[in-house]
Amino acid sequence: MSTPEAQEPANPELLGLARRDGADPLALGSPDAPVVLIEYSDFQCPFCGRFARETKPDLVRDYVDKGVLRIEWRNFPVFGAESDQAARAGWAAGQQNRFWQFHDTAYAEPRRRNAGDFSEDKLTAMARKAGVEDLARFEKDMASDAAHRAVTRDTEEGYGIGVTSTPAFLINGRPVLGAQPTDVFTDIIDEAAEQARQQEDGDE
């Protein structure tokens, strides 16, 4: 995958990874938004946390809320058992439509890696704080085969396109690696939105 300094044109195959599923609880924004940002992330990754705290709120306010951008989350646990457990917990929160609240709670502060900060008890406490109402169902969903399959699907998708570290992003098929400054994201989103507009005008 390329770095922002050596941007390649959007790859049509990568563009096709956007699911645009209106029922996906792990996505923010309209399925019909002209720009889709796919994020491959690990809840134990400090740079993912930095993106969540410093960049995502601006992107939601300036692009998602205005119908320009859709953000699709992909679980990509790379730091071991607690990462995998946290990924399944996020999916479980999503089954009660509280994924993004869980996401914001998990990333609210830097946490230690593989030191018990993402134990089952701590994850249940995060779910409670995130407003997950049925905690018994949450714990059952977290341990389910469906959670395992969903996380595996995302992880295999990431590995299939060469993701090796987190966070990794695709913006309309254009790769961006790491928690880059916000203006790197806004520049690429603006360019992708303009390209989508031109394409739509050309199709008419």
Protein backbone atom coordinates (compact mmCIF):
# COMPACT_ATOMS: atom_id res chain seq x y z
CA MET A 1 0.00 0.00 0.00
CA SER A 2 1.24 3.47 -0.79
CA THR A 3 1.89 6.38 1.51
CA PRO A 4 0.10 9.72 1.10
CA GLU A 5 3.30 11.22 -0.29
CA ALA A 6 3.22 8.83 -3.23
CA GLN A 7 -0.45 8.73 -3.98
CA GLU A 8 -1.55 6.38 -6.70
CA PRO A 9 -4.85 6.73 -8.51
CA ALA A 10 -7.73 4.92 -6.89
CA ASN A 11 -7.69 1.22 -7.64
CA PRO A 12 -11.02 -0.02 -9.07
CA GLU A 13 -10.63 -3.38 -7.28
CA LEU A 14 -10.13 -1.61 -3.95
CA LEU A 15 -13.07 0.68 -4.74
CA GLY A 16 -15.21 -2.45 -4.94
CA LEU A 17 -14.51 -3.32 -1.28
CA ALA A 18 -16.99 -0.67 -0.10
CA ARG A 19 -19.99 -2.67 1.10
CA ARG A 20 -22.52 0.21 1.16
CA ASP A 21 -24.85 -1.92 3.26
CA GLY A 22 -27.51 0.32 4.76
CA ALA A 23 -28.05 -2.16 7.61
CA ASP A 24 -24.36 -2.31 8.62
CA PRO A 25 -24.12 -1.16 12.25
CA LEU A 26 -20.32 -0.81 11.88
CA ALA A 27 -20.70 2.01 9.35
CA LEU A 28 -21.47 5.72 9.62
CA GLY A 29 -23.16 7.79 6.94
CA SER A 30 -25.31 7.28 3.90
CA PRO A 31 -24.77 4.13 1.78
CA ASP A 32 -25.09 6.49 -1.21
CA ALA A 33 -22.36 8.93 -0.11
CA PRO A 34 -19.98 9.73 -2.99
CA VAL A 35 -16.91 8.91 -0.86
CA VAL A 36 -16.37 5.80 1.28
CA LEU A 37 -13.56 5.60 3.81
CA ILE A 38 -12.82 2.03 4.92
CA GLU A 39 -10.83 1.79 8.16
CA TYR A 40 -8.92 -1.36 9.16
CA SER A 41 -8.37 -0.97 12.88
CA ASP A 42 -7.44 -2.63 16.18
CA PHE A 43 -8.88 -1.40 19.49
CA GLN A 44 -5.45 -1.87 21.11
CA CYS A 45 -3.63 0.22 18.48
CA PRO A 46 -2.51 3.62 19.87
CA PHE A 47 -2.47 5.25 16.44
CA CYS A 48 -6.01 4.02 15.79
CA GLY A 49 -6.95 5.69 19.05
CA ARG A 50 -5.33 8.92 17.96
CA PHE A 51 -7.32 8.87 14.71
CA ALA A 52 -10.52 8.14 16.64
CA ARG A 53 -10.00 11.02 19.05
CA GLU A 54 -8.35 13.65 16.84
CA THR A 55 -9.51 13.12 13.25
CA LYS A 56 -12.75 11.13 13.10
CA PRO A 57 -14.88 13.77 14.90
CA ASP A 58 -13.87 16.39 12.30
CA LEU A 59 -14.60 14.01 9.42
CA VAL A 60 -18.02 13.14 10.87
CA ARG A 61 -18.93 16.81 11.35
CA ASP A 62 -17.58 18.12 8.04
CA TYR A 63 -18.30 15.20 5.70
CA VAL A 64 -20.42 12.36 7.13
CA ASP A 65 -23.12 14.66 8.51
CA LYS A 66 -23.26 16.48 5.16
CA GLY A 67 -23.77 13.31 3.15
CA VAL A 68 -20.36 13.42 1.44
CA LEU A 69 -18.62 10.60 3.34
CA ARG A 70 -19.43 7.15 4.62
CA ILE A 71 -17.06 5.47 7.12
CA GLU A 72 -17.00 1.67 7.12
CA TRP A 73 -15.17 -0.02 9.99
CA ARG A 74 -13.26 -3.27 9.50
CA ASN A 75 -11.99 -5.22 12.50
CA PHE A 76 -8.30 -5.95 12.00
CA PRO A 77 -6.98 -7.29 15.33
CA VAL A 78 -3.20 -7.66 15.12
CA PHE A 79 -2.01 -7.44 18.73
CA GLY A 80 -3.18 -10.78 20.08
CA ALA A 81 -5.97 -12.23 22.18
CA GLU A 82 -7.22 -9.00 23.74
CA SER A 83 -7.39 -7.35 20.32
CA ASP A 84 -9.47 -10.24 19.02
CA GLN A 85 -11.71 -10.12 22.08
CA ALA A 86 -12.19 -6.34 21.69
CA ALA A 87 -13.03 -6.78 18.00
CA ARG A 88 -15.74 -9.33 18.87
CA ALA A 89 -17.01 -7.00 21.61
CA GLY A 90 -17.34 -4.16 19.12
CA TRP A 91 -19.27 -6.43 16.77
CA ALA A 92 -21.50 -7.52 19.66
CA ALA A 93 -22.21 -3.89 20.58
CA GLY A 94 -23.15 -3.34 16.95
CA GLN A 95 -25.85 -6.01 17.20
CA GLN A 96 -27.62 -3.58 19.55
CA ASN A 97 -26.76 -0.56 17.38
CA ARG A 98 -24.18 0.77 19.84
CA PHE A 99 -20.99 0.04 17.91
CA TRP A 100 -19.88 3.66 17.51
CA GLN A 101 -20.66 4.46 21.12
CA PHE A 102 -18.57 1.42 22.11
CA HIS A 103 -15.82 2.56 19.68
CA ASP A 104 -15.68 6.01 21.28
CA THR A 105 -15.63 4.52 24.78
CA ALA A 106 -12.86 2.04 23.95
CA TYR A 107 -10.74 4.77 22.37
CA ALA A 108 -11.60 7.49 24.89
CA GLU A 109 -8.13 7.24 26.44
CA PRO A 110 -4.86 5.44 25.69
CA ARG A 111 -4.89 1.94 27.20
CA ARG A 112 -2.16 -0.61 27.90
CA ARG A 113 -1.74 -3.41 25.40
CA ASN A 114 -2.41 -6.99 26.50
CA ALA A 115 -2.41 -5.97 30.16
CA GLY A 116 -6.02 -6.73 30.98
CA ASP A 117 -7.50 -3.42 29.80
CA PHE A 118 -9.57 -5.40 27.28
CA SER A 119 -10.52 -8.33 29.51
CA GLU A 120 -14.10 -9.60 29.21
CA ASP A 121 -15.11 -7.75 32.38
CA LYS A 122 -13.60 -4.47 31.14
CA LEU A 123 -15.25 -4.91 27.72
CA THR A 124 -18.62 -5.48 29.37
CA ALA A 125 -18.07 -2.33 31.44
CA MET A 126 -17.29 -0.41 28.23
CA ALA A 127 -20.47 -1.80 26.64
CA ARG A 128 -22.49 -0.67 29.67
CA LYS A 129 -20.96 2.82 29.43
CA ALA A 130 -21.70 2.85 25.69
CA GLY A 131 -25.39 2.27 26.36
CA VAL A 132 -25.65 -1.40 25.38
CA GLU A 133 -28.90 -2.36 27.11
CA ASP A 134 -28.87 -6.16 27.11
CA LEU A 135 -25.49 -7.06 28.56
CA ALA A 136 -26.28 -10.77 28.77
CA ARG A 137 -26.98 -10.76 25.04
CA PHE A 138 -23.82 -8.70 24.48
CA GLU A 139 -21.67 -11.31 26.25
CA LYS A 140 -23.37 -14.13 24.35
CA ASP A 141 -22.88 -12.32 21.02
CA MET A 142 -19.24 -11.58 21.84
CA ALA A 143 -18.54 -15.30 22.31
CA SER A 144 -20.57 -16.40 19.27
CA ASP A 145 -19.45 -18.05 16.07
CA ALA A 146 -21.11 -15.17 14.21
CA ALA A 147 -18.76 -12.67 15.89
CA HIS A 148 -15.77 -14.84 15.03
CA ARG A 149 -16.88 -15.13 11.40
CA ALA A 150 -17.46 -11.37 11.07
CA VAL A 151 -14.03 -10.50 12.48
CA THR A 152 -12.36 -13.17 10.32
CA ARG A 153 -14.09 -11.82 7.21
CA ASP A 154 -12.76 -8.31 7.87
CA THR A 155 -9.27 -9.55 8.73
CA GLU A 156 -8.99 -11.74 5.64
CA GLU A 157 -10.18 -8.84 3.48
CA GLY A 158 -7.42 -6.65 4.93
CA TYR A 159 -4.68 -9.23 4.51
CA GLY A 160 -5.94 -9.87 0.99
CA ILE A 161 -5.14 -6.30 -0.07
CA GLY A 162 -1.82 -6.13 1.75
CA VAL A 163 -2.75 -4.51 5.08
CA THR A 164 -0.05 -5.39 7.63
CA SER A 165 -0.44 -2.68 10.28
CA THR A 166 -3.10 -0.44 11.76
CA PRO A 167 -4.70 1.89 11.12
CA ALA A 168 -4.96 1.45 7.36
CA PHE A 169 -7.54 3.26 5.25
CA LEU A 170 -9.03 3.17 1.78
CA ILE A 171 -10.67 6.38 0.57
CA ASN A 172 -12.61 5.51 -2.59
CA GLY A 173 -9.99 2.87 -3.30
CA ARG A 174 -6.98 5.04 -2.46
CA PRO A 175 -4.76 3.64 0.31
CA VAL A 176 -3.67 5.78 3.26
CA LEU A 177 -1.49 4.32 6.01
CA GLY A 178 -1.34 5.40 9.62
CA ALA A 179 -2.94 8.17 11.68
CA GLN A 180 -2.02 10.94 9.27
CA PRO A 181 -2.82 14.60 10.05
CA THR A 182 -6.47 15.48 9.50
CA ASP A 183 -5.69 17.61 6.46
CA VAL A 184 -4.26 14.57 4.64
CA PHE A 185 -7.69 12.95 4.95
CA THR A 186 -9.65 16.06 4.08
CA ASP A 187 -7.53 16.72 0.97
CA ILE A 188 -8.09 13.18 -0.32
CA ILE A 189 -11.81 13.22 0.55
CA ASP A 190 -12.26 16.57 -1.23
CA GLU A 191 -10.47 15.23 -4.30
CA ALA A 192 -12.47 11.97 -4.29
CA ALA A 193 -15.74 13.87 -3.90
CA GLU A 194 -14.84 16.10 -6.84
CA GLN A 195 -13.93 13.07 -8.97
CA ALA A 196 -17.25 11.44 -8.07
CA ARG A 197 -19.10 14.63 -9.07
CA GLN A 198 -17.30 14.81 -12.40
CA GLN A 199 -18.02 11.15 -13.06
CA GLU A 200 -21.70 11.65 -12.27
CA ASP A 201 -21.85 14.67 -14.58
CA GLY A 202 -20.19 12.61 -17.30
CA ASP A 203 -22.67 9.79 -16.88
CA GLU A 204 -25.66 12.06 -17.36
